[in-house]
Every structure is written in structure tokens, then in C-alpha cells.
Amino acid sequence: MTLDVGFLGYRFMGKAHANALARLPMFFPDAPAVNRKVLVGRDEAAVADAADRFGFDRTTDDWSEAIDEVDVFYNLGPTHVHAEPTIEALEAGVHVMCEKPLATDLETARRMREAARDSDAIAGVGFNYRYVPALQLAKRLIDEGLFGEIYRVRGRCLQDWLGDLEDPWNWRTDEERAGTGVLGDVGSHTIDLARWLIGDVERVSGQLTIQIPERPAPDGDGTREVTTDDEYSAIAEFDSGAVGVFEGSRVATGRKADNSIEVYGSEGGFKFSLRRLNELRVLGPNDRGFQGILVTDPNDPYIDAWWPPGHIVGWEHTFVHENYEFLTSVADGTRYRPDFEDGFEVQRVLDAVQTSNETGRRTRI
């Protein structure tokens, strides 16, 4: 089987997923064959250059036209363009991989979930951190009961990519286009990991902060108002009784994609940081302290597909693993996770954090 694939979007996520598709036949020979057929974008020169570099047959500025030609549609555009192309693709029976967060608001996410429920097509959400080998191992250890009853999870993603007052306004700083700021952009990753590892969230208390209220206009003409959060913090209560503490920032000076998660239980726990992506620090029932495990052995998740034992993998490999699982599900007709049900549940938590921030009260999901 060869799957015809189309991308909407060709910048950061377009590059990440195009690289993943190019790597699949080299390292996962049992993956479905893919034909990179059409790339969608508005800037004719830029999209043509990207299509040449990414290996797409042709370009268009009409996403409806692309949907008519492909088996799988990747929606990698800004959050405000997730809904309509995705819903049209699902109604046409075209499989979809949509980047996170699912939508700018809860009701739009609900429409997308309903479209996925009504379609025979598979709908996946781009929570690629589930496919870090170390976190796959952590999930296995939790499911095996190594850490006992889970009491607590801590997750954070701290960045400084908008920490400079002279950094210009962009779509992620606009509520209409992004919905939320750092909460949806990277907080959605943290919340998805926590749900995947522990279970559903029942209540949250949250706070959103705009530290830099205006930024230079991208065209250099004055300034524009920032309407999305630069920082968020939240306390979560899980259905299981566990407690979660989450935080995120895009103005944390000196922090570069500092994405980490820790889980603590009655018999032990683990620590993970993206800054040490190939390592999982584990405390088992008989350990005196956390032990660093280098996740590079052949029996560790996905590692046997890559290099000789001991060699490391990187962030870009998570997209290869993600696309391998997603496209295999498409080819086999099996359920893929995280799907739009997962994406919607994360959106419910994002919405509850926003509501808590507005009301100053703990909010039930």
C-alpha cells in the first residue's frame, strides 16, 4: 500500500513531519510507503521552495483541492486553521494528523471530535512527546505497577523564545489565532503526558499572565497588543486522587525547551527532562535514590530501529516514531492514540484553566 499525503503548513512542524516521512523507509522498513503529493501554503515562492526541499510533487494554495487528492491530510498550520480543513477532510473519509492544540476554544474542539466520531477515517493529534523512548519506558513501568499508587505529577515547559522585549508580535500572541499562549502551545504537551501516564483530570486551579503586553509590529510600524498568556501555572486533581502541578513560560530567561515531567508514587517514581532526552531517572521500591537509566539498549522502546546499542536518539526521532505508529494504524485500520478524543480531553483542561483564571476559583472539568 502507498499512501498519498498532503501537508497544510511547511514551516516548523512541516519540516519536522517531512523529515520523519523521509526517514521512515530507512529505519522502519515495515512502515507503509508514502507519496508526498501536495503541499499547501499561501506564499507561492516559499511553499515552492519548501516543496522542493521536502520532496512534494506539487503545491497549491487551496486546501480543499489537496484534500480531494490525498489519503492522509496533515494539518500543521496555526491553531485557527485547524478546524475547517480538518473537518472537511474527515467528512471526505481522509485520514488526518492535526497538530496540537486541537482548536482555539472548546466548542471548536468539540466540533472536530464529533467529525472524527462520525468518520471512518483515523484522526490523530500531534502529541509527539508520547513517543520519546524514555517516556515510553516510564509508561511501561507505571503500568507494571513499579511505583505503586501514584500520588503526584509535576510537569513544566520553560522557554525564553519571547523573552526579549524587541521580539516581534506573531500569531501565537493573538488570541483569535492561537486561542491561548504558552498554555495551549506547550502546556497542552504537559497535560497530555500527565493524562497518558496517570489518567483523567477532575479539577484545576489556574493562573495566566501576560508579562509583555505589547510587542513590535512585524512590519515595523509601531506596536501590537499581546492577547495571549506568556506564562501559566495550574494545580490539578486527578480522578485517581493524584495531584498535578504544571507550569509553562515563553519568557523564562535562559531556558531553552526545558520540558520535564516527574511522577511520584507509594513505591517510587521517575524524573525526565528533554535536556537529557535519552535518560530516565528511576526510583524503585528497593532503591536508596534515583538511578539514571540510559535508554539506549536494543530492548528499550524503538531503539532497535536506530543505531548500535549505546548511541543516542534526538528530538526529531519522536516524529519518526509518531508517524510510524500513525501511518501503520491508517494502513491496518486500527485505532491510533493520541486521537481526537485525547485532543478534546486536553482542550477541556485548557478551557478549565482559562475559566479558573477568569473566576479565581477551582474549576471542575
Protein backbone atom coordinates (compact mmCIF):
# COMPACT_ATOMS: atom_id res chain seq x y z
CA MET A 1 0.00 0.00 0.00
CA THR A 2 1.18 3.50 -0.90
CA LEU A 3 -0.47 6.44 0.87
CA ASP A 4 -0.79 9.80 -0.90
CA VAL A 5 -0.06 12.51 1.66
CA GLY A 6 -0.75 16.24 1.73
CA PHE A 7 0.54 18.87 4.18
CA LEU A 8 -1.07 22.16 5.12
CA GLY A 9 1.89 24.13 6.51
CA TYR A 10 5.58 23.99 5.75
CA ARG A 11 7.43 25.82 8.48
CA PHE A 12 8.44 24.36 11.87
CA MET A 13 6.06 21.41 12.02
CA GLY A 14 6.07 20.94 8.27
CA LYS A 15 9.81 20.44 8.39
CA ALA A 16 9.57 18.07 11.37
CA HIS A 17 6.96 15.80 9.78
CA ALA A 18 8.55 15.90 6.30
CA ASN A 19 11.85 14.79 7.84
CA ALA A 20 10.01 11.96 9.61
CA LEU A 21 8.42 10.70 6.40
CA ALA A 22 11.80 10.73 4.66
CA ARG A 23 13.37 8.66 7.46
CA LEU A 24 10.64 6.01 7.70
CA PRO A 25 11.72 3.70 4.86
CA MET A 26 15.34 3.83 6.02
CA PHE A 27 14.75 2.80 9.62
CA PHE A 28 11.22 1.32 9.72
CA PRO A 29 11.05 -0.81 6.57
CA ASP A 30 7.66 -2.24 7.57
CA ALA A 31 6.09 1.24 7.55
CA PRO A 32 3.56 1.99 4.79
CA ALA A 33 5.02 3.58 1.68
CA VAL A 34 4.25 7.29 1.35
CA ASN A 35 3.96 9.57 -1.66
CA ARG A 36 4.42 13.21 -0.65
CA LYS A 37 1.92 14.52 -3.16
CA VAL A 38 0.86 18.10 -2.40
CA LEU A 39 1.98 20.93 -0.09
CA VAL A 40 -0.45 23.73 0.78
CA GLY A 41 0.65 27.29 1.52
CA ARG A 42 -0.17 30.90 0.68
CA ASP A 43 3.30 32.29 -0.11
CA GLU A 44 3.92 30.94 -3.62
CA ALA A 45 7.70 31.29 -3.60
CA ALA A 46 8.16 29.99 -0.03
CA VAL A 47 5.89 26.98 -0.48
CA ALA A 48 7.55 26.09 -3.79
CA ASP A 49 10.97 26.16 -2.12
CA ALA A 50 9.68 24.02 0.77
CA ALA A 51 8.09 21.51 -1.61
CA ASP A 52 11.39 21.10 -3.41
CA ARG A 53 13.30 20.56 -0.15
CA PHE A 54 10.67 18.29 1.44
CA GLY A 55 10.11 16.14 -1.65
CA PHE A 56 6.50 17.04 -2.54
CA ASP A 57 5.27 16.61 -6.09
CA ARG A 58 3.46 19.92 -6.31
CA THR A 59 1.97 22.87 -4.40
CA THR A 60 -1.38 24.63 -4.10
CA ASP A 61 -2.94 27.44 -2.07
CA ASP A 62 -6.28 25.59 -1.86
CA TRP A 63 -6.55 23.05 0.95
CA SER A 64 -9.87 21.72 -0.39
CA GLU A 65 -8.11 20.81 -3.63
CA ALA A 66 -5.42 18.99 -1.68
CA ILE A 67 -7.96 17.02 0.37
CA ASP A 68 -9.53 15.72 -2.85
CA GLU A 69 -6.18 14.23 -3.93
CA VAL A 70 -4.81 12.52 -0.82
CA ASP A 71 -5.38 9.60 1.54
CA VAL A 72 -3.83 11.36 4.54
CA PHE A 73 -4.00 15.08 5.34
CA TYR A 74 -1.58 16.70 7.80
CA ASN A 75 -2.92 19.94 9.29
CA LEU A 76 0.24 21.66 10.50
CA GLY A 77 -0.94 25.26 10.29
CA PRO A 78 -1.64 27.80 13.05
CA THR A 79 -4.34 26.79 15.53
CA HIS A 80 -7.08 28.94 13.98
CA VAL A 81 -6.88 26.98 10.70
CA HIS A 82 -7.14 23.56 12.34
CA ALA A 83 -10.91 23.19 12.36
CA GLU A 84 -12.35 23.73 8.88
CA PRO A 85 -9.80 21.82 6.75
CA THR A 86 -9.70 19.00 9.29
CA ILE A 87 -13.48 18.65 9.45
CA GLU A 88 -13.75 18.71 5.64
CA ALA A 89 -11.06 16.03 5.37
CA LEU A 90 -12.78 13.76 7.90
CA GLU A 91 -16.15 14.21 6.20
CA ALA A 92 -14.48 13.11 2.96
CA GLY A 93 -13.06 10.00 4.64
CA VAL A 94 -9.48 11.31 4.54
CA HIS A 95 -7.26 10.41 7.49
CA VAL A 96 -5.93 13.39 9.48
CA MET A 97 -2.91 14.17 11.61
CA CYS A 98 -3.59 17.54 13.28
CA GLU A 99 -1.04 19.42 15.32
CA LYS A 100 -1.83 20.42 18.89
CA PRO A 101 -3.71 22.03 20.50
CA LEU A 102 -6.76 20.79 18.65
CA ALA A 103 -8.50 24.18 18.46
CA THR A 104 -8.61 27.75 19.71
CA ASP A 105 -11.57 27.01 22.00
CA LEU A 106 -13.54 24.14 23.50
CA GLU A 107 -16.61 24.32 21.26
CA THR A 108 -14.49 24.21 18.11
CA ALA A 109 -12.60 21.23 19.53
CA ARG A 110 -15.97 19.57 20.20
CA ARG A 111 -16.94 20.01 16.53
CA MET A 112 -13.67 18.41 15.49
CA ARG A 113 -14.16 15.50 17.86
CA GLU A 114 -17.68 14.93 16.55
CA ALA A 115 -16.41 14.97 12.97
CA ALA A 116 -13.86 12.30 13.91
CA ARG A 117 -16.54 10.20 15.62
CA ASP A 118 -18.76 10.39 12.53
CA SER A 119 -15.94 9.49 10.11
CA ASP A 120 -14.43 6.14 9.23
CA ALA A 121 -11.07 7.92 8.89
CA ILE A 122 -8.40 7.91 11.59
CA ALA A 123 -7.75 11.24 13.34
CA GLY A 124 -4.52 11.73 15.29
CA VAL A 125 -3.18 14.66 17.32
CA GLY A 126 0.49 15.67 17.28
CA PHE A 127 1.48 14.98 20.89
CA ASN A 128 4.89 13.69 19.84
CA TYR A 129 6.39 13.56 23.35
CA ARG A 130 4.49 10.33 23.97
CA TYR A 131 6.99 8.79 21.55
CA VAL A 132 10.18 9.68 23.43
CA PRO A 133 11.71 6.24 24.19
CA ALA A 134 12.41 7.22 27.82
CA LEU A 135 8.79 8.24 28.36
CA GLN A 136 7.54 5.08 26.65
CA LEU A 137 9.65 3.20 29.20
CA ALA A 138 8.22 5.31 32.04
CA LYS A 139 4.69 4.49 30.90
CA ARG A 140 5.56 0.78 30.86
CA LEU A 141 6.92 0.95 34.41
CA ILE A 142 3.81 2.76 35.67
CA ASP A 143 1.53 0.21 34.01
CA GLU A 144 3.56 -2.63 35.54
CA GLY A 145 2.99 -1.11 38.99
CA LEU A 146 6.65 -0.48 39.82
CA PHE A 147 5.90 2.84 41.50
CA GLY A 148 2.82 1.68 43.40
CA GLU A 149 -0.11 4.07 43.87
CA ILE A 150 0.62 7.33 42.04
CA TYR A 151 0.40 10.37 44.30
CA ARG A 152 1.83 13.28 42.34
CA VAL A 153 2.95 14.51 38.92
CA ARG A 154 4.96 17.65 38.17
CA GLY A 155 5.28 18.98 34.64
CA ARG A 156 6.80 22.10 33.17
CA CYS A 157 7.95 23.60 29.89
CA LEU A 158 10.05 26.73 30.28
CA GLN A 159 11.34 28.71 27.29
CA ASP A 160 12.72 32.17 26.60
CA TRP A 161 11.98 32.45 22.87
CA LEU A 162 9.79 35.53 23.50
CA GLY A 163 11.76 36.87 26.45
CA ASP A 164 13.24 39.82 24.55
CA LEU A 165 11.07 42.96 24.59
CA GLU A 166 12.05 43.52 20.96
CA ASP A 167 10.80 40.11 19.79
CA PRO A 168 8.03 40.96 17.30
CA TRP A 169 4.33 40.17 17.57
CA ASN A 170 3.30 36.93 15.86
CA TRP A 171 0.20 34.75 15.52
CA ARG A 172 0.94 32.96 18.79
CA THR A 173 0.49 36.27 20.65
CA ASP A 174 -3.01 36.78 19.17
CA GLU A 175 -5.98 35.23 20.99
CA GLU A 176 -8.10 34.98 17.83
CA ARG A 177 -5.47 32.92 16.01
CA ALA A 178 -3.93 30.94 18.86
CA GLY A 179 -6.71 30.74 21.47
CA THR A 180 -4.15 30.70 24.28
CA GLY A 181 -0.45 31.41 24.51
CA VAL A 182 2.01 29.19 26.29
CA LEU A 183 -0.87 27.28 27.92
CA GLY A 184 -2.03 25.76 24.65
CA ASP A 185 1.30 25.85 22.85
CA VAL A 186 3.35 23.79 25.31
CA GLY A 187 1.03 23.32 28.29
CA SER A 188 -1.04 21.02 26.08
CA HIS A 189 2.00 18.71 25.81
CA THR A 190 2.39 18.62 29.60
CA ILE A 191 -1.30 17.95 30.17
CA ASP A 192 -1.39 15.22 27.54
CA LEU A 193 1.61 13.46 29.08
CA ALA A 194 0.04 13.65 32.53
CA ARG A 195 -3.27 12.22 31.28
CA TRP A 196 -1.49 9.47 29.35
CA LEU A 197 0.62 8.49 32.35
CA ILE A 198 -1.90 8.89 35.18
CA GLY A 199 -5.47 9.37 33.93
CA ASP A 200 -8.17 11.99 33.62
CA VAL A 201 -8.14 15.35 35.40
CA GLU A 202 -11.13 16.21 37.57
CA ARG A 203 -10.48 19.80 38.75
CA VAL A 204 -7.94 22.55 38.17
CA SER A 205 -6.91 25.87 39.64
CA GLY A 206 -5.04 28.04 37.16
CA GLN A 207 -3.42 31.39 36.53
CA LEU A 208 -2.46 33.04 33.23
CA THR A 209 -0.12 36.02 32.97
CA ILE A 210 0.78 38.39 30.15
CA GLN A 211 4.20 39.66 31.16
CA ILE A 212 4.85 41.70 27.99
CA PRO A 213 1.56 43.38 26.97
CA GLU A 214 2.70 44.73 23.60
CA ARG A 215 5.33 43.87 21.02
CA PRO A 216 6.80 45.50 17.92
CA ALA A 217 4.55 45.04 14.87
CA PRO A 218 6.03 42.55 12.38
CA ASP A 219 6.04 45.20 9.64
CA GLY A 220 7.97 47.61 11.88
CA ASP A 221 5.06 50.06 12.12
CA GLY A 222 4.52 50.69 15.84
CA THR A 223 3.43 48.02 18.30
CA ARG A 224 0.61 45.50 18.61
CA GLU A 225 -1.21 44.27 21.70
CA VAL A 226 -0.41 40.83 23.10
CA THR A 227 -3.64 38.99 23.96
CA THR A 228 -2.34 35.53 24.92
CA ASP A 229 -0.54 34.37 28.05
CA ASP A 230 3.23 34.47 28.38
CA GLU A 231 3.11 32.22 31.45
CA TYR A 232 0.70 29.80 33.09
CA SER A 233 0.58 27.76 36.26
CA ALA A 234 -2.00 25.20 37.36
CA ILE A 235 -2.78 22.73 40.12
CA ALA A 236 -4.73 19.68 39.00
CA GLU A 237 -6.70 17.00 40.84
CA PHE A 238 -6.94 13.66 39.02
CA ASP A 239 -9.85 11.22 39.17
CA SER A 240 -7.48 8.79 40.89
CA GLY A 241 -6.78 11.23 43.73
CA ALA A 242 -3.31 12.15 42.47
CA VAL A 243 -2.27 15.79 42.38
CA GLY A 244 -0.58 17.58 39.48
CA VAL A 245 1.46 20.80 39.42
CA PHE A 246 2.05 22.32 35.97
CA GLU A 247 3.79 25.43 34.72
CA GLY A 248 4.96 26.95 31.47
CA SER A 249 6.64 30.10 30.22
CA ARG A 250 7.90 31.64 26.99
CA VAL A 251 9.73 34.42 28.82
CA ALA A 252 11.84 32.34 31.27
CA THR A 253 15.26 33.86 30.70
CA GLY A 254 17.94 31.30 29.88
CA ARG A 255 15.56 28.38 29.41
CA LYS A 256 15.59 26.54 26.07
CA ALA A 257 12.76 23.99 25.61
CA ASP A 258 13.11 22.95 29.26
CA ASN A 259 10.38 20.32 29.08
CA SER A 260 10.30 17.98 32.05
CA ILE A 261 7.94 15.69 33.95
CA GLU A 262 8.20 13.84 37.26
CA VAL A 263 5.91 11.22 38.79
CA TYR A 264 5.91 10.09 42.43
CA GLY A 265 4.11 7.09 43.93
CA SER A 266 3.94 4.98 47.07
CA GLU A 267 6.82 2.74 45.91
CA GLY A 268 8.97 5.15 43.90
CA GLY A 269 8.86 7.35 40.84
CA PHE A 270 10.73 8.79 37.88
CA LYS A 271 12.15 12.06 36.53
CA PHE A 272 12.53 13.03 32.88
CA SER A 273 13.91 16.14 31.17
CA LEU A 274 14.06 16.87 27.46
CA ARG A 275 17.50 18.33 28.10
CA ARG A 276 18.61 14.72 28.78
CA LEU A 277 16.25 13.03 26.33
CA ASN A 278 17.92 9.61 26.39
CA GLU A 279 17.88 9.31 30.19
CA LEU A 280 15.19 8.29 32.66
CA ARG A 281 15.90 8.70 36.37
CA VAL A 282 14.08 5.97 38.25
CA LEU A 283 13.48 5.22 41.94
CA GLY A 284 12.25 1.68 42.53
CA PRO A 285 10.95 0.10 45.76
CA ASN A 286 14.41 -1.05 46.91
CA ASP A 287 16.50 1.88 45.69
CA ARG A 288 18.10 4.39 48.04
CA GLY A 289 17.95 7.18 45.48
CA PHE A 290 17.09 7.93 41.87
CA GLN A 291 19.17 5.90 39.43
CA GLY A 292 19.92 7.24 35.97
CA ILE A 293 18.98 4.80 33.19
CA LEU A 294 20.37 5.49 29.73
CA VAL A 295 17.55 4.41 27.40
CA THR A 296 19.72 3.15 24.53
CA ASP A 297 19.52 -0.65 24.83
CA PRO A 298 18.04 -2.73 21.99
CA ASN A 299 15.07 -3.77 24.16
CA ASP A 300 14.17 -0.15 25.00
CA PRO A 301 11.23 1.33 23.04
CA TYR A 302 12.06 1.99 19.35
CA ILE A 303 15.85 1.90 19.91
CA ASP A 304 16.37 -1.30 17.93
CA ALA A 305 15.33 0.59 14.77
CA TRP A 306 18.19 3.08 15.03
CA TRP A 307 21.86 2.75 15.96
CA PRO A 308 24.07 0.19 17.72
CA PRO A 309 23.43 -0.05 21.49
CA GLY A 310 24.62 2.96 23.49
CA HIS A 311 24.11 5.52 20.73
CA ILE A 312 21.52 8.21 21.39
CA VAL A 313 18.47 9.46 19.52
CA GLY A 314 17.16 13.04 19.35
CA TRP A 315 14.00 15.14 19.45
CA GLU A 316 13.38 14.70 15.73
CA HIS A 317 13.14 10.93 16.20
CA THR A 318 9.91 11.37 18.17
CA PHE A 319 8.21 12.46 14.94
CA VAL A 320 9.51 9.37 13.15
CA HIS A 321 8.04 7.14 15.87
CA GLU A 322 4.80 9.13 15.87
CA ASN A 323 4.39 8.88 12.10
CA TYR A 324 5.31 5.20 12.08
CA GLU A 325 2.52 4.42 14.55
CA PHE A 326 0.00 6.76 12.91
CA LEU A 327 0.54 5.59 9.32
CA THR A 328 0.63 1.95 10.40
CA SER A 329 -2.77 2.47 12.06
CA VAL A 330 -4.03 4.06 8.84
CA ALA A 331 -2.79 1.13 6.74
CA ASP A 332 -4.08 -1.53 9.17
CA GLY A 333 -7.36 0.19 10.09
CA THR A 334 -6.57 0.12 13.81
CA ARG A 335 -7.11 2.80 16.45
CA TYR A 336 -4.36 5.39 16.85
CA ARG A 337 -3.60 7.23 20.11
CA PRO A 338 -3.48 10.09 20.85
CA ASP A 339 -6.66 10.65 18.84
CA PHE A 340 -9.27 13.41 18.77
CA GLU A 341 -10.83 12.05 21.97
CA ASP A 342 -7.50 12.69 23.69
CA GLY A 343 -7.15 16.07 21.98
CA PHE A 344 -10.61 17.08 23.17
CA GLU A 345 -9.91 16.00 26.75
CA VAL A 346 -6.73 18.11 26.77
CA GLN A 347 -8.78 21.03 25.40
CA ARG A 348 -11.22 20.60 28.30
CA VAL A 349 -8.36 21.05 30.75
CA LEU A 350 -7.05 24.11 28.86
CA ASP A 351 -10.56 25.60 28.97
CA ALA A 352 -10.88 24.89 32.70
CA VAL A 353 -7.55 26.61 33.41
CA GLN A 354 -8.79 29.66 31.49
CA THR A 355 -12.07 29.61 33.42
CA SER A 356 -10.26 29.30 36.74
CA ASN A 357 -8.05 32.24 35.82
CA GLU A 358 -11.10 34.36 34.97
CA THR A 359 -13.15 33.43 38.07
CA GLY A 360 -10.38 32.96 40.62
CA ARG A 361 -11.95 29.63 41.57
CA ARG A 362 -11.14 25.95 41.28
CA THR A 363 -12.91 24.60 38.20
CA ARG A 364 -14.34 21.13 37.62
CA ILE A 365 -13.56 19.60 34.23
